[in-house]
Amino acid sequence: MARNKDKPAPIIEPRCLTLQQAADYCALTRSGFSAWQKQGLVPGPIPGTNRWDRKALDVALDKASGLQQPVVVNEDDPWEVWRREKAAREAAKTRGGQAEPSAAAKRRSRTAAHCPD
């Protein structure tokens, strides 16, 4: 599909930044950015690279500014239930014992006890 010549091409902001770009993004000099990195205010480069993740910088700056919202876990969320049960099964395997029955299994046994045939 041909691009509309009247409409400018979208600007693609890179996610991975060089040291200079990361410093510019934070409105710092390179040495100022390095100082913030040593203080733990911003993360280091992506492991094995000399590039900084723009999103990781955003998260670090939000946290440093007090903008990070606390994570609220919904205990009834199916994914959370699955995650807890999986962790319990894996822990039981490493101990060589039996895993505690899952929440679903407990509900089934309670239902069976209250609903005679």
N, C-alpha and C. Protein backbone atom coordinates (compact mmCIF):
# COMPACT_ATOMS: atom_id res chain seq x y z
N MET A 1 0.85 -1.17 0.00
CA MET A 1 0.00 0.00 0.00
C MET A 1 0.90 1.23 0.00
N ALA A 2 0.63 2.14 -0.88
CA ALA A 2 1.45 3.34 -1.00
C ALA A 2 1.13 4.32 0.13
N ARG A 3 2.17 5.02 0.54
CA ARG A 3 2.01 6.00 1.61
C ARG A 3 1.47 7.30 1.03
N ASN A 4 0.60 7.96 1.77
CA ASN A 4 0.05 9.25 1.36
C ASN A 4 1.16 10.29 1.43
N LYS A 5 1.48 10.92 0.30
CA LYS A 5 2.58 11.88 0.26
C LYS A 5 2.25 13.17 0.98
N ASP A 6 0.96 13.45 1.19
CA ASP A 6 0.57 14.66 1.91
C ASP A 6 0.73 14.51 3.42
N LYS A 7 0.76 13.28 3.87
CA LYS A 7 0.87 13.01 5.31
C LYS A 7 2.32 12.66 5.63
N PRO A 8 2.93 13.34 6.61
CA PRO A 8 4.32 13.04 6.93
C PRO A 8 4.47 11.63 7.53
N ALA A 9 5.63 11.06 7.30
CA ALA A 9 5.91 9.73 7.85
C ALA A 9 5.95 9.82 9.38
N PRO A 10 5.47 8.78 10.05
CA PRO A 10 5.50 8.82 11.52
C PRO A 10 6.94 8.80 12.03
N ILE A 11 7.14 9.48 13.13
CA ILE A 11 8.46 9.49 13.76
C ILE A 11 8.54 8.28 14.68
N ILE A 12 9.54 7.47 14.49
CA ILE A 12 9.71 6.29 15.32
C ILE A 12 10.79 6.60 16.36
N GLU A 13 10.36 6.65 17.60
CA GLU A 13 11.30 6.89 18.70
C GLU A 13 11.98 5.58 19.05
N PRO A 14 13.30 5.53 19.07
CA PRO A 14 13.96 4.28 19.42
C PRO A 14 13.75 3.94 20.90
N ARG A 15 13.59 2.67 21.18
CA ARG A 15 13.46 2.25 22.57
C ARG A 15 14.83 2.10 23.22
N CYS A 16 15.80 1.64 22.46
CA CYS A 16 17.16 1.46 22.98
C CYS A 16 17.96 2.72 22.71
N LEU A 17 18.54 3.26 23.76
CA LEU A 17 19.23 4.54 23.67
C LEU A 17 20.72 4.38 23.94
N THR A 18 21.53 5.19 23.27
CA THR A 18 22.95 5.26 23.59
C THR A 18 23.10 6.01 24.92
N LEU A 19 24.30 6.03 25.45
CA LEU A 19 24.55 6.76 26.70
C LEU A 19 24.17 8.24 26.52
N GLN A 20 24.58 8.83 25.41
CA GLN A 20 24.27 10.24 25.18
C GLN A 20 22.76 10.46 25.06
N GLN A 21 22.08 9.58 24.34
CA GLN A 21 20.63 9.72 24.20
C GLN A 21 19.92 9.54 25.55
N ALA A 22 20.39 8.57 26.35
CA ALA A 22 19.79 8.35 27.67
C ALA A 22 20.00 9.57 28.55
N ALA A 23 21.20 10.14 28.50
CA ALA A 23 21.48 11.36 29.27
C ALA A 23 20.59 12.50 28.80
N ASP A 24 20.49 12.67 27.48
CA ASP A 24 19.62 13.72 26.93
C ASP A 24 18.17 13.50 27.35
N TYR A 25 17.72 12.25 27.32
CA TYR A 25 16.35 11.91 27.69
C TYR A 25 16.05 12.35 29.13
N CYS A 26 17.05 12.24 29.99
CA CYS A 26 16.89 12.63 31.40
C CYS A 26 17.30 14.08 31.64
N ALA A 27 17.63 14.81 30.58
CA ALA A 27 18.06 16.22 30.66
C ALA A 27 19.31 16.35 31.53
N LEU A 28 20.26 15.44 31.32
CA LEU A 28 21.51 15.43 32.07
C LEU A 28 22.69 15.41 31.11
N THR A 29 23.85 15.75 31.66
CA THR A 29 25.09 15.53 30.92
C THR A 29 25.42 14.05 31.04
N ARG A 30 26.37 13.59 30.26
CA ARG A 30 26.78 12.18 30.37
C ARG A 30 27.32 11.88 31.76
N SER A 31 28.10 12.81 32.32
CA SER A 31 28.65 12.56 33.66
C SER A 31 27.53 12.61 34.71
N GLY A 32 26.56 13.49 34.52
CA GLY A 32 25.42 13.55 35.44
C GLY A 32 24.60 12.27 35.39
N PHE A 33 24.41 11.74 34.18
CA PHE A 33 23.68 10.49 34.02
C PHE A 33 24.44 9.35 34.69
N SER A 34 25.76 9.32 34.49
CA SER A 34 26.58 8.28 35.14
C SER A 34 26.50 8.37 36.65
N ALA A 35 26.46 9.60 37.18
CA ALA A 35 26.32 9.79 38.63
C ALA A 35 24.97 9.25 39.11
N TRP A 36 23.91 9.54 38.38
CA TRP A 36 22.59 9.02 38.75
C TRP A 36 22.58 7.49 38.71
N GLN A 37 23.29 6.93 37.72
CA GLN A 37 23.37 5.48 37.61
C GLN A 37 24.09 4.90 38.83
N LYS A 38 25.19 5.52 39.24
CA LYS A 38 25.94 5.04 40.42
C LYS A 38 25.11 5.17 41.69
N GLN A 39 24.23 6.18 41.75
CA GLN A 39 23.36 6.38 42.91
C GLN A 39 22.16 5.43 42.88
N GLY A 40 21.96 4.74 41.77
CA GLY A 40 20.83 3.83 41.65
C GLY A 40 19.54 4.49 41.24
N LEU A 41 19.60 5.75 40.80
CA LEU A 41 18.38 6.43 40.36
C LEU A 41 17.91 5.95 39.00
N VAL A 42 18.85 5.56 38.15
CA VAL A 42 18.51 5.03 36.83
C VAL A 42 19.27 3.72 36.65
N PRO A 43 18.72 2.81 35.84
CA PRO A 43 19.39 1.52 35.64
C PRO A 43 20.59 1.64 34.72
N GLY A 44 21.38 0.58 34.72
CA GLY A 44 22.50 0.50 33.79
C GLY A 44 22.01 0.07 32.42
N PRO A 45 22.93 -0.16 31.50
CA PRO A 45 22.53 -0.57 30.16
C PRO A 45 21.93 -1.97 30.17
N ILE A 46 21.25 -2.31 29.09
CA ILE A 46 20.72 -3.66 28.92
C ILE A 46 21.91 -4.61 28.96
N PRO A 47 21.84 -5.69 29.74
CA PRO A 47 22.98 -6.60 29.85
C PRO A 47 23.52 -7.04 28.49
N GLY A 48 24.83 -6.97 28.36
CA GLY A 48 25.49 -7.38 27.13
C GLY A 48 25.48 -6.33 26.03
N THR A 49 24.99 -5.13 26.35
CA THR A 49 24.93 -4.07 25.34
C THR A 49 25.45 -2.77 25.94
N ASN A 50 25.52 -1.77 25.11
CA ASN A 50 25.80 -0.42 25.59
C ASN A 50 24.61 0.47 25.25
N ARG A 51 23.40 -0.09 25.44
CA ARG A 51 22.15 0.62 25.19
C ARG A 51 21.28 0.60 26.44
N TRP A 52 20.55 1.71 26.66
CA TRP A 52 19.64 1.84 27.80
C TRP A 52 18.22 1.71 27.29
N ASP A 53 17.38 1.04 28.04
CA ASP A 53 15.98 0.85 27.68
C ASP A 53 15.18 2.06 28.13
N ARG A 54 14.54 2.73 27.18
CA ARG A 54 13.75 3.93 27.48
C ARG A 54 12.67 3.62 28.51
N LYS A 55 11.99 2.48 28.39
CA LYS A 55 10.92 2.13 29.33
C LYS A 55 11.48 1.87 30.73
N ALA A 56 12.66 1.26 30.81
CA ALA A 56 13.29 1.04 32.12
C ALA A 56 13.64 2.38 32.77
N LEU A 57 14.08 3.33 31.95
CA LEU A 57 14.36 4.67 32.48
C LEU A 57 13.08 5.32 32.99
N ASP A 58 11.98 5.17 32.24
CA ASP A 58 10.70 5.73 32.68
C ASP A 58 10.27 5.15 34.02
N VAL A 59 10.39 3.84 34.16
CA VAL A 59 9.99 3.17 35.41
C VAL A 59 10.86 3.67 36.56
N ALA A 60 12.17 3.75 36.34
CA ALA A 60 13.08 4.21 37.39
C ALA A 60 12.79 5.65 37.79
N LEU A 61 12.53 6.50 36.80
CA LEU A 61 12.24 7.90 37.11
C LEU A 61 10.89 8.05 37.81
N ASP A 62 9.90 7.25 37.40
CA ASP A 62 8.60 7.27 38.10
C ASP A 62 8.78 6.86 39.56
N LYS A 63 9.57 5.83 39.79
CA LYS A 63 9.81 5.37 41.16
C LYS A 63 10.54 6.44 41.97
N ALA A 64 11.57 7.03 41.39
CA ALA A 64 12.35 8.06 42.10
C ALA A 64 11.49 9.29 42.40
N SER A 65 10.52 9.56 41.53
CA SER A 65 9.65 10.73 41.71
C SER A 65 8.44 10.45 42.59
N GLY A 66 8.29 9.20 43.01
CA GLY A 66 7.13 8.84 43.82
C GLY A 66 5.87 8.64 43.01
N LEU A 67 6.01 8.46 41.70
CA LEU A 67 4.84 8.30 40.83
C LEU A 67 4.43 6.85 40.65
N GLN A 68 5.27 5.92 41.07
CA GLN A 68 4.97 4.51 40.88
C GLN A 68 3.83 4.11 41.80
N GLN A 69 2.81 3.52 41.22
CA GLN A 69 1.65 3.08 42.00
C GLN A 69 1.96 1.72 42.61
N PRO A 70 1.48 1.49 43.84
CA PRO A 70 1.69 0.17 44.44
C PRO A 70 0.94 -0.90 43.63
N VAL A 71 1.52 -2.07 43.57
CA VAL A 71 0.90 -3.17 42.85
C VAL A 71 -0.12 -3.82 43.77
N VAL A 72 -1.34 -3.92 43.30
CA VAL A 72 -2.41 -4.56 44.06
C VAL A 72 -2.68 -5.91 43.42
N VAL A 73 -2.58 -6.96 44.21
CA VAL A 73 -2.80 -8.31 43.70
C VAL A 73 -4.21 -8.74 44.06
N ASN A 74 -4.97 -9.13 43.07
CA ASN A 74 -6.30 -9.67 43.28
C ASN A 74 -6.13 -11.16 43.57
N GLU A 75 -6.34 -11.56 44.82
CA GLU A 75 -6.12 -12.94 45.22
C GLU A 75 -7.04 -13.91 44.49
N ASP A 76 -8.20 -13.45 44.00
CA ASP A 76 -9.14 -14.32 43.31
C ASP A 76 -8.87 -14.39 41.81
N ASP A 77 -7.92 -13.61 41.32
CA ASP A 77 -7.60 -13.61 39.91
C ASP A 77 -7.13 -15.01 39.51
N PRO A 78 -7.71 -15.61 38.47
CA PRO A 78 -7.33 -16.97 38.08
C PRO A 78 -5.84 -17.13 37.85
N TRP A 79 -5.20 -16.12 37.27
CA TRP A 79 -3.76 -16.23 37.03
C TRP A 79 -3.01 -16.28 38.35
N GLU A 80 -3.41 -15.47 39.34
CA GLU A 80 -2.75 -15.47 40.65
C GLU A 80 -2.95 -16.81 41.35
N VAL A 81 -4.16 -17.37 41.25
CA VAL A 81 -4.42 -18.68 41.86
C VAL A 81 -3.51 -19.71 41.22
N TRP A 82 -3.44 -19.72 39.89
CA TRP A 82 -2.58 -20.68 39.19
C TRP A 82 -1.12 -20.50 39.58
N ARG A 83 -0.66 -19.24 39.66
CA ARG A 83 0.73 -18.96 40.00
C ARG A 83 1.07 -19.47 41.39
N ARG A 84 0.19 -19.22 42.37
CA ARG A 84 0.43 -19.69 43.74
C ARG A 84 0.45 -21.21 43.81
N GLU A 85 -0.51 -21.84 43.12
CA GLU A 85 -0.57 -23.30 43.14
C GLU A 85 0.64 -23.92 42.47
N LYS A 86 1.09 -23.33 41.38
CA LYS A 86 2.29 -23.83 40.69
C LYS A 86 3.51 -23.70 41.59
N ALA A 87 3.64 -22.57 42.26
CA ALA A 87 4.77 -22.38 43.18
C ALA A 87 4.72 -23.40 44.30
N ALA A 88 3.52 -23.69 44.81
CA ALA A 88 3.39 -24.67 45.89
C ALA A 88 3.77 -26.07 45.39
N ARG A 89 3.34 -26.42 44.17
CA ARG A 89 3.69 -27.73 43.62
C ARG A 89 5.20 -27.85 43.44
N GLU A 90 5.83 -26.80 42.91
CA GLU A 90 7.27 -26.84 42.71
C GLU A 90 8.02 -26.92 44.03
N ALA A 91 7.53 -26.21 45.04
CA ALA A 91 8.16 -26.26 46.36
C ALA A 91 8.03 -27.66 46.95
N ALA A 92 6.88 -28.30 46.76
CA ALA A 92 6.68 -29.65 47.28
C ALA A 92 7.60 -30.64 46.57
N LYS A 93 7.81 -30.46 45.28
CA LYS A 93 8.72 -31.34 44.54
C LYS A 93 10.14 -31.24 45.08
N THR A 94 10.58 -30.03 45.38
CA THR A 94 11.95 -29.86 45.87
C THR A 94 12.10 -30.43 47.27
N ARG A 95 11.00 -30.44 48.06
CA ARG A 95 11.04 -31.03 49.41
C ARG A 95 10.81 -32.53 49.35
N GLY A 96 10.35 -33.03 48.21
CA GLY A 96 10.09 -34.45 48.07
C GLY A 96 8.75 -34.86 48.68
N GLY A 97 7.92 -33.91 49.02
CA GLY A 97 6.64 -34.21 49.64
C GLY A 97 5.49 -33.97 48.69
N GLN A 98 4.32 -34.02 49.25
CA GLN A 98 3.11 -33.80 48.48
C GLN A 98 2.75 -32.32 48.51
N ALA A 99 2.28 -31.83 47.41
CA ALA A 99 1.81 -30.45 47.36
C ALA A 99 0.47 -30.37 48.07
N GLU A 100 0.21 -29.23 48.66
CA GLU A 100 -1.09 -29.00 49.29
C GLU A 100 -2.15 -28.99 48.20
N PRO A 101 -3.34 -29.50 48.49
CA PRO A 101 -4.39 -29.49 47.46
C PRO A 101 -4.65 -28.08 46.95
N SER A 102 -4.99 -28.00 45.68
CA SER A 102 -5.25 -26.69 45.08
C SER A 102 -6.53 -26.11 45.64
N ALA A 103 -6.70 -24.81 45.45
CA ALA A 103 -7.92 -24.14 45.90
C ALA A 103 -9.13 -24.75 45.21
N ALA A 104 -8.99 -25.09 43.93
CA ALA A 104 -10.11 -25.70 43.20
C ALA A 104 -10.45 -27.06 43.79
N ALA A 105 -9.43 -27.84 44.14
CA ALA A 105 -9.68 -29.16 44.74
C ALA A 105 -10.35 -29.01 46.10
N LYS A 106 -9.94 -28.01 46.87
CA LYS A 106 -10.58 -27.77 48.17
C LYS A 106 -12.04 -27.41 47.99
N ARG A 107 -12.34 -26.56 46.98
CA ARG A 107 -13.73 -26.17 46.73
C ARG A 107 -14.56 -27.38 46.32
N ARG A 108 -13.99 -28.24 45.47
CA ARG A 108 -14.71 -29.44 45.04
C ARG A 108 -15.01 -30.34 46.22
N SER A 109 -14.04 -30.52 47.13
CA SER A 109 -14.28 -31.40 48.27
C SER A 109 -15.32 -30.81 49.21
N ARG A 110 -15.31 -29.48 49.40
CA ARG A 110 -16.33 -28.84 50.25
C ARG A 110 -17.70 -28.98 49.61
N THR A 111 -17.77 -28.81 48.29
CA THR A 111 -19.05 -28.92 47.59
C THR A 111 -19.57 -30.34 47.68
N ALA A 112 -18.69 -31.32 47.51
CA ALA A 112 -19.10 -32.72 47.58
C ALA A 112 -19.61 -33.06 48.98
N ALA A 113 -19.02 -32.50 50.01
CA ALA A 113 -19.44 -32.77 51.38
C ALA A 113 -20.81 -32.19 51.67
N HIS A 114 -21.15 -31.08 51.02
CA HIS A 114 -22.43 -30.41 51.28
C HIS A 114 -23.53 -30.83 50.32
N CYS A 115 -23.19 -31.55 49.28
CA CYS A 115 -24.19 -31.92 48.27
C CYS A 115 -24.22 -33.44 48.13
N PRO A 116 -24.94 -34.13 49.02
CA PRO A 116 -24.99 -35.60 48.89
C PRO A 116 -25.75 -36.00 47.63
N ASP A 117 -25.40 -37.17 47.12
CA ASP A 117 -26.05 -37.68 45.89
C ASP A 117 -27.46 -38.11 46.15
